[in-house]
């Protein structure tokens, strides 16, 4: 239906709830309810991305549940259990200049203030206090490092993010 590279997974459908086709929702958005800001959703159903619309949703205890259009009973809902919820990348809103989507940072080269190539961002860890860049060092790293963890603290460690140039400039000792 659509190219999976254009998809951003924002959650996962959980267990069926009740007999009328409701499903629990595990949202990966900052605020749980933020997942409902996106429409339509695409769910992976029988190996294919299919567009679905939300007929209704509500809070339930500490979580959220939803009813998909066309799903009217528990048996239909059970077919969607553990299905990823995705949106198209163009559905993401523009961010302020100093904010970034994690997916845009992955693949960036990290270079320190002395011009040393620290490696490539392979992921981001969420630690609670601040996010941390996972940087995979090049195979012939002069400091014997395979991976570096660099706190994403702007102005202190992260000096500049050049998304078009796919480069992040950091104030970080390569031996650390």
C-alpha atoms as a PDB file:
ATOM      1  CA  UNK A   1       0.000   0.000   0.000  1.00  0.00           C
ATOM      2  CA  UNK A   2       2.686   2.472   1.040  1.00  0.00           C
ATOM      3  CA  UNK A   3       6.458   2.377   1.389  1.00  0.00           C
ATOM      4  CA  UNK A   4       7.451   1.193   4.881  1.00  0.00           C
ATOM      5  CA  UNK A   5      10.397   3.650   4.844  1.00  0.00           C
ATOM      6  CA  UNK A   6       7.862   6.497   4.977  1.00  0.00           C
ATOM      7  CA  UNK A   7       6.329   5.035   8.154  1.00  0.00           C
ATOM      8  CA  UNK A   8       7.058   6.177  11.690  1.00  0.00           C
ATOM      9  CA  UNK A   9       5.922   3.727  14.375  1.00  0.00           C
ATOM     10  CA  UNK A  10       4.163   5.711  17.128  1.00  0.00           C
ATOM     11  CA  UNK A  11       2.618   2.893  19.152  1.00  0.00           C
ATOM     12  CA  UNK A  12       1.270  -0.629  19.287  1.00  0.00           C
ATOM     13  CA  UNK A  13      -2.195  -2.043  19.746  1.00  0.00           C
ATOM     14  CA  UNK A  14      -2.531  -4.218  22.826  1.00  0.00           C
ATOM     15  CA  UNK A  15      -5.129  -6.619  24.152  1.00  0.00           C
ATOM     16  CA  UNK A  16      -8.778  -6.543  23.185  1.00  0.00           C
ATOM     17  CA  UNK A  17     -10.939  -4.851  25.805  1.00  0.00           C
ATOM     18  CA  UNK A  18     -14.562  -5.833  26.294  1.00  0.00           C
ATOM     19  CA  UNK A  19     -16.888  -7.411  23.739  1.00  0.00           C
ATOM     20  CA  UNK A  20     -17.527  -4.385  21.479  1.00  0.00           C
ATOM     21  CA  UNK A  21     -14.158  -4.304  19.698  1.00  0.00           C
ATOM     22  CA  UNK A  22     -12.115  -1.900  21.823  1.00  0.00           C
ATOM     23  CA  UNK A  23      -8.327  -2.316  21.982  1.00  0.00           C
ATOM     24  CA  UNK A  24      -5.728  -1.162  24.478  1.00  0.00           C
ATOM     25  CA  UNK A  25      -3.186   1.265  23.016  1.00  0.00           C
ATOM     26  CA  UNK A  26       0.502   1.430  23.926  1.00  0.00           C
ATOM     27  CA  UNK A  27       1.538   4.907  22.763  1.00  0.00           C
ATOM     28  CA  UNK A  28       5.177   5.812  22.113  1.00  0.00           C
ATOM     29  CA  UNK A  29       4.362   9.535  21.988  1.00  0.00           C
ATOM     30  CA  UNK A  30       5.470  11.928  24.773  1.00  0.00           C
ATOM     31  CA  UNK A  31       1.914  12.175  26.105  1.00  0.00           C
ATOM     32  CA  UNK A  32      -0.210   9.021  25.755  1.00  0.00           C
ATOM     33  CA  UNK A  33      -3.133  10.926  24.257  1.00  0.00           C
ATOM     34  CA  UNK A  34      -0.790  12.538  21.708  1.00  0.00           C
ATOM     35  CA  UNK A  35      -1.102   9.450  19.528  1.00  0.00           C
ATOM     36  CA  UNK A  36      -4.656  10.529  18.703  1.00  0.00           C
ATOM     37  CA  UNK A  37      -3.373  13.815  17.230  1.00  0.00           C
ATOM     38  CA  UNK A  38      -2.397  11.781  14.170  1.00  0.00           C
ATOM     39  CA  UNK A  39      -4.934  10.608  11.640  1.00  0.00           C
ATOM     40  CA  UNK A  40      -5.082   8.350   9.805  1.00  0.00           C
ATOM     41  CA  UNK A  41      -3.132   5.578  11.441  1.00  0.00           C
ATOM     42  CA  UNK A  42      -1.559   2.715   9.544  1.00  0.00           C
ATOM     43  CA  UNK A  43      -1.455  -0.693  11.212  1.00  0.00           C
ATOM     44  CA  UNK A  44       0.467  -3.710  10.092  1.00  0.00           C
ATOM     45  CA  UNK A  45      -2.202  -6.306   9.415  1.00  0.00           C
ATOM     46  CA  UNK A  46      -1.292  -9.676   7.882  1.00  0.00           C
ATOM     47  CA  UNK A  47       2.108  -8.299   6.810  1.00  0.00           C
ATOM     48  CA  UNK A  48       0.709  -5.229   5.044  1.00  0.00           C
ATOM     49  CA  UNK A  49       0.275  -1.623   6.186  1.00  0.00           C
ATOM     50  CA  UNK A  50      -3.416  -0.734   6.153  1.00  0.00           C
ATOM     51  CA  UNK A  51      -4.967   2.656   6.783  1.00  0.00           C
ATOM     52  CA  UNK A  52      -7.350   2.724   9.744  1.00  0.00           C
ATOM     53  CA  UNK A  53      -9.384   5.463  11.332  1.00  0.00           C
ATOM     54  CA  UNK A  54     -10.273   5.846  14.983  1.00  0.00           C
ATOM     55  CA  UNK A  55     -14.014   5.711  15.636  1.00  0.00           C
ATOM     56  CA  UNK A  56     -13.576   6.543  19.325  1.00  0.00           C
ATOM     57  CA  UNK A  57     -11.026   6.574  22.129  1.00  0.00           C
ATOM     58  CA  UNK A  58     -10.931   7.211  25.860  1.00  0.00           C
ATOM     59  CA  UNK A  59      -8.787   6.941  28.936  1.00  0.00           C
ATOM     60  CA  UNK A  60      -9.101   3.709  30.838  1.00  0.00           C
ATOM     61  CA  UNK A  61      -7.384   3.545  34.219  1.00  0.00           C
ATOM     62  CA  UNK A  62      -3.784   4.625  33.627  1.00  0.00           C
ATOM     63  CA  UNK A  63      -3.967   3.700  29.949  1.00  0.00           C
ATOM     64  CA  UNK A  64      -5.969   4.446  26.826  1.00  0.00           C
ATOM     65  CA  UNK A  65      -8.238   2.347  24.638  1.00  0.00           C
ATOM     66  CA  UNK A  66      -9.610   2.884  21.143  1.00  0.00           C
ATOM     67  CA  UNK A  67     -12.233   1.604  18.762  1.00  0.00           C
ATOM     68  CA  UNK A  68     -11.205   1.306  15.122  1.00  0.00           C
ATOM     69  CA  UNK A  69     -13.757   2.095  12.393  1.00  0.00           C
ATOM     70  CA  UNK A  70     -15.268  -1.132  11.102  1.00  0.00           C
ATOM     71  CA  UNK A  71     -14.292  -3.157  14.165  1.00  0.00           C
ATOM     72  CA  UNK A  72     -17.497  -4.053  15.971  1.00  0.00           C
ATOM     73  CA  UNK A  73     -16.723  -7.016  18.199  1.00  0.00           C
ATOM     74  CA  UNK A  74     -13.990  -8.698  20.198  1.00  0.00           C
ATOM     75  CA  UNK A  75     -13.236 -11.286  17.482  1.00  0.00           C
ATOM     76  CA  UNK A  76     -12.470  -8.550  14.947  1.00  0.00           C
ATOM     77  CA  UNK A  77     -10.412  -6.617  17.508  1.00  0.00           C
ATOM     78  CA  UNK A  78      -8.294  -9.677  18.352  1.00  0.00           C
ATOM     79  CA  UNK A  79      -6.926  -9.682  14.788  1.00  0.00           C
ATOM     80  CA  UNK A  80      -5.157  -6.384  15.581  1.00  0.00           C
ATOM     81  CA  UNK A  81      -3.503  -7.421  18.868  1.00  0.00           C
ATOM     82  CA  UNK A  82       0.225  -6.479  18.877  1.00  0.00           C
ATOM     83  CA  UNK A  83      -0.050  -4.638  15.542  1.00  0.00           C
ATOM     84  CA  UNK A  84       2.286  -1.651  15.196  1.00  0.00           C
ATOM     85  CA  UNK A  85       0.636   1.750  14.794  1.00  0.00           C
ATOM     86  CA  UNK A  86       2.426   4.003  12.321  1.00  0.00           C
ATOM     87  CA  UNK A  87       1.959   7.346  10.630  1.00  0.00           C
ATOM     88  CA  UNK A  88       3.470   8.757   7.466  1.00  0.00           C
ATOM     89  CA  UNK A  89       6.628  10.798   8.044  1.00  0.00           C
ATOM     90  CA  UNK A  90       4.966  13.881   6.534  1.00  0.00           C
ATOM     91  CA  UNK A  91       2.347  13.774   9.321  1.00  0.00           C
ATOM     92  CA  UNK A  92       5.016  14.834  11.838  1.00  0.00           C
ATOM     93  CA  UNK A  93       4.799  18.491  12.771  1.00  0.00           C
ATOM     94  CA  UNK A  94       7.635  20.960  12.225  1.00  0.00           C
ATOM     95  CA  UNK A  95       9.801  21.424  15.305  1.00  0.00           C
ATOM     96  CA  UNK A  96      11.397  24.609  16.640  1.00  0.00           C
ATOM     97  CA  UNK A  97      14.936  25.239  15.412  1.00  0.00           C
ATOM     98  CA  UNK A  98      16.671  23.745  18.471  1.00  0.00           C
ATOM     99  CA  UNK A  99      14.582  20.543  18.650  1.00  0.00           C
ATOM    100  CA  UNK A 100      15.039  17.353  16.656  1.00  0.00           C
ATOM    101  CA  UNK A 101      13.273  14.086  15.989  1.00  0.00           C
ATOM    102  CA  UNK A 102      15.446  11.211  17.134  1.00  0.00           C
ATOM    103  CA  UNK A 103      15.121   9.514  13.749  1.00  0.00           C
ATOM    104  CA  UNK A 104      16.781  12.531  12.117  1.00  0.00           C
ATOM    105  CA  UNK A 105      19.853  12.255  14.368  1.00  0.00           C
ATOM    106  CA  UNK A 106      20.481   8.570  13.621  1.00  0.00           C
ATOM    107  CA  UNK A 107      23.104   8.297  10.891  1.00  0.00           C
ATOM    108  CA  UNK A 108      24.736  11.656  11.655  1.00  0.00           C
ATOM    109  CA  UNK A 109      28.538  11.762  11.956  1.00  0.00           C
ATOM    110  CA  UNK A 110      29.769  13.060  15.307  1.00  0.00           C
ATOM    111  CA  UNK A 111      32.877  15.263  15.224  1.00  0.00           C
ATOM    112  CA  UNK A 112      34.501  16.936  18.223  1.00  0.00           C
ATOM    113  CA  UNK A 113      35.854  20.494  18.428  1.00  0.00           C
ATOM    114  CA  UNK A 114      39.338  19.312  17.392  1.00  0.00           C
ATOM    115  CA  UNK A 115      37.928  17.674  14.231  1.00  0.00           C
ATOM    116  CA  UNK A 116      38.188  14.080  15.496  1.00  0.00           C
ATOM    117  CA  UNK A 117      35.572  11.780  13.903  1.00  0.00           C
ATOM    118  CA  UNK A 118      33.901  10.145  16.912  1.00  0.00           C
ATOM    119  CA  UNK A 119      31.683   7.882  14.780  1.00  0.00           C
ATOM    120  CA  UNK A 120      28.058   7.638  13.711  1.00  0.00           C
ATOM    121  CA  UNK A 121      24.863   7.994  15.781  1.00  0.00           C
ATOM    122  CA  UNK A 122      23.187   4.579  15.897  1.00  0.00           C
ATOM    123  CA  UNK A 123      20.529   5.325  18.496  1.00  0.00           C
ATOM    124  CA  UNK A 124      19.385   7.492  21.371  1.00  0.00           C
ATOM    125  CA  UNK A 125      18.846   6.371  24.955  1.00  0.00           C
ATOM    126  CA  UNK A 126      16.200   8.013  27.105  1.00  0.00           C
ATOM    127  CA  UNK A 127      17.610   8.234  30.627  1.00  0.00           C
ATOM    128  CA  UNK A 128      15.116  10.497  32.371  1.00  0.00           C
ATOM    129  CA  UNK A 129      17.419  13.431  33.049  1.00  0.00           C
ATOM    130  CA  UNK A 130      18.589  13.866  29.448  1.00  0.00           C
ATOM    131  CA  UNK A 131      18.831  11.840  26.256  1.00  0.00           C
ATOM    132  CA  UNK A 132      22.126  10.162  25.364  1.00  0.00           C
ATOM    133  CA  UNK A 133      23.527   9.660  21.863  1.00  0.00           C
ATOM    134  CA  UNK A 134      24.786   6.148  21.107  1.00  0.00           C
ATOM    135  CA  UNK A 135      27.753   6.671  18.796  1.00  0.00           C
ATOM    136  CA  UNK A 136      29.368   3.704  17.042  1.00  0.00           C
ATOM    137  CA  UNK A 137      33.070   4.349  16.550  1.00  0.00           C
ATOM    138  CA  UNK A 138      34.818   3.564  13.291  1.00  0.00           C
ATOM    139  CA  UNK A 139      36.561   0.171  13.148  1.00  0.00           C
ATOM    140  CA  UNK A 140      40.031   1.744  13.405  1.00  0.00           C
ATOM    141  CA  UNK A 141      39.303   4.113  16.297  1.00  0.00           C
ATOM    142  CA  UNK A 142      42.583   5.517  17.638  1.00  0.00           C
ATOM    143  CA  UNK A 143      41.308   5.283  21.228  1.00  0.00           C
ATOM    144  CA  UNK A 144      40.156   1.665  20.991  1.00  0.00           C
ATOM    145  CA  UNK A 145      36.514   2.624  21.446  1.00  0.00           C
ATOM    146  CA  UNK A 146      33.654   0.662  19.875  1.00  0.00           C
ATOM    147  CA  UNK A 147      30.886   2.862  21.189  1.00  0.00           C
ATOM    148  CA  UNK A 148      30.572   6.196  22.928  1.00  0.00           C
ATOM    149  CA  UNK A 149      27.655   7.478  24.972  1.00  0.00           C
ATOM    150  CA  UNK A 150      27.407  11.273  24.737  1.00  0.00           C
ATOM    151  CA  UNK A 151      24.767  13.163  26.753  1.00  0.00           C
ATOM    152  CA  UNK A 152      22.541  15.268  24.492  1.00  0.00           C
ATOM    153  CA  UNK A 153      23.019  18.458  26.501  1.00  0.00           C
ATOM    154  CA  UNK A 154      23.042  21.442  24.167  1.00  0.00           C
ATOM    155  CA  UNK A 155      25.683  24.139  24.646  1.00  0.00           C
ATOM    156  CA  UNK A 156      27.573  21.948  27.127  1.00  0.00           C
ATOM    157  CA  UNK A 157      28.357  18.853  25.017  1.00  0.00           C
ATOM    158  CA  UNK A 158      26.277  19.254  21.830  1.00  0.00           C
ATOM    159  CA  UNK A 159      27.491  22.423  20.143  1.00  0.00           C
ATOM    160  CA  UNK A 160      25.879  22.220  16.712  1.00  0.00           C
ATOM    161  CA  UNK A 161      23.501  19.926  14.836  1.00  0.00           C
ATOM    162  CA  UNK A 162      23.685  20.189  11.050  1.00  0.00           C
ATOM    163  CA  UNK A 163      20.876  17.936   9.797  1.00  0.00           C
ATOM    164  CA  UNK A 164      21.328  18.746   6.077  1.00  0.00           C
ATOM    165  CA  UNK A 165      25.061  17.965   6.432  1.00  0.00           C
ATOM    166  CA  UNK A 166      24.300  14.948   8.700  1.00  0.00           C
ATOM    167  CA  UNK A 167      26.864  16.093  11.268  1.00  0.00           C
ATOM    168  CA  UNK A 168      26.831  16.820  14.997  1.00  0.00           C
ATOM    169  CA  UNK A 169      29.644  18.892  16.520  1.00  0.00           C
ATOM    170  CA  UNK A 170      30.416  18.011  20.146  1.00  0.00           C
ATOM    171  CA  UNK A 171      32.692  19.123  22.957  1.00  0.00           C
ATOM    172  CA  UNK A 172      33.715  15.628  24.030  1.00  0.00           C
ATOM    173  CA  UNK A 173      37.045  13.935  24.712  1.00  0.00           C
ATOM    174  CA  UNK A 174      37.437  11.023  22.254  1.00  0.00           C
ATOM    175  CA  UNK A 175      39.166   8.886  24.901  1.00  0.00           C
ATOM    176  CA  UNK A 176      36.076   9.046  27.145  1.00  0.00           C
END
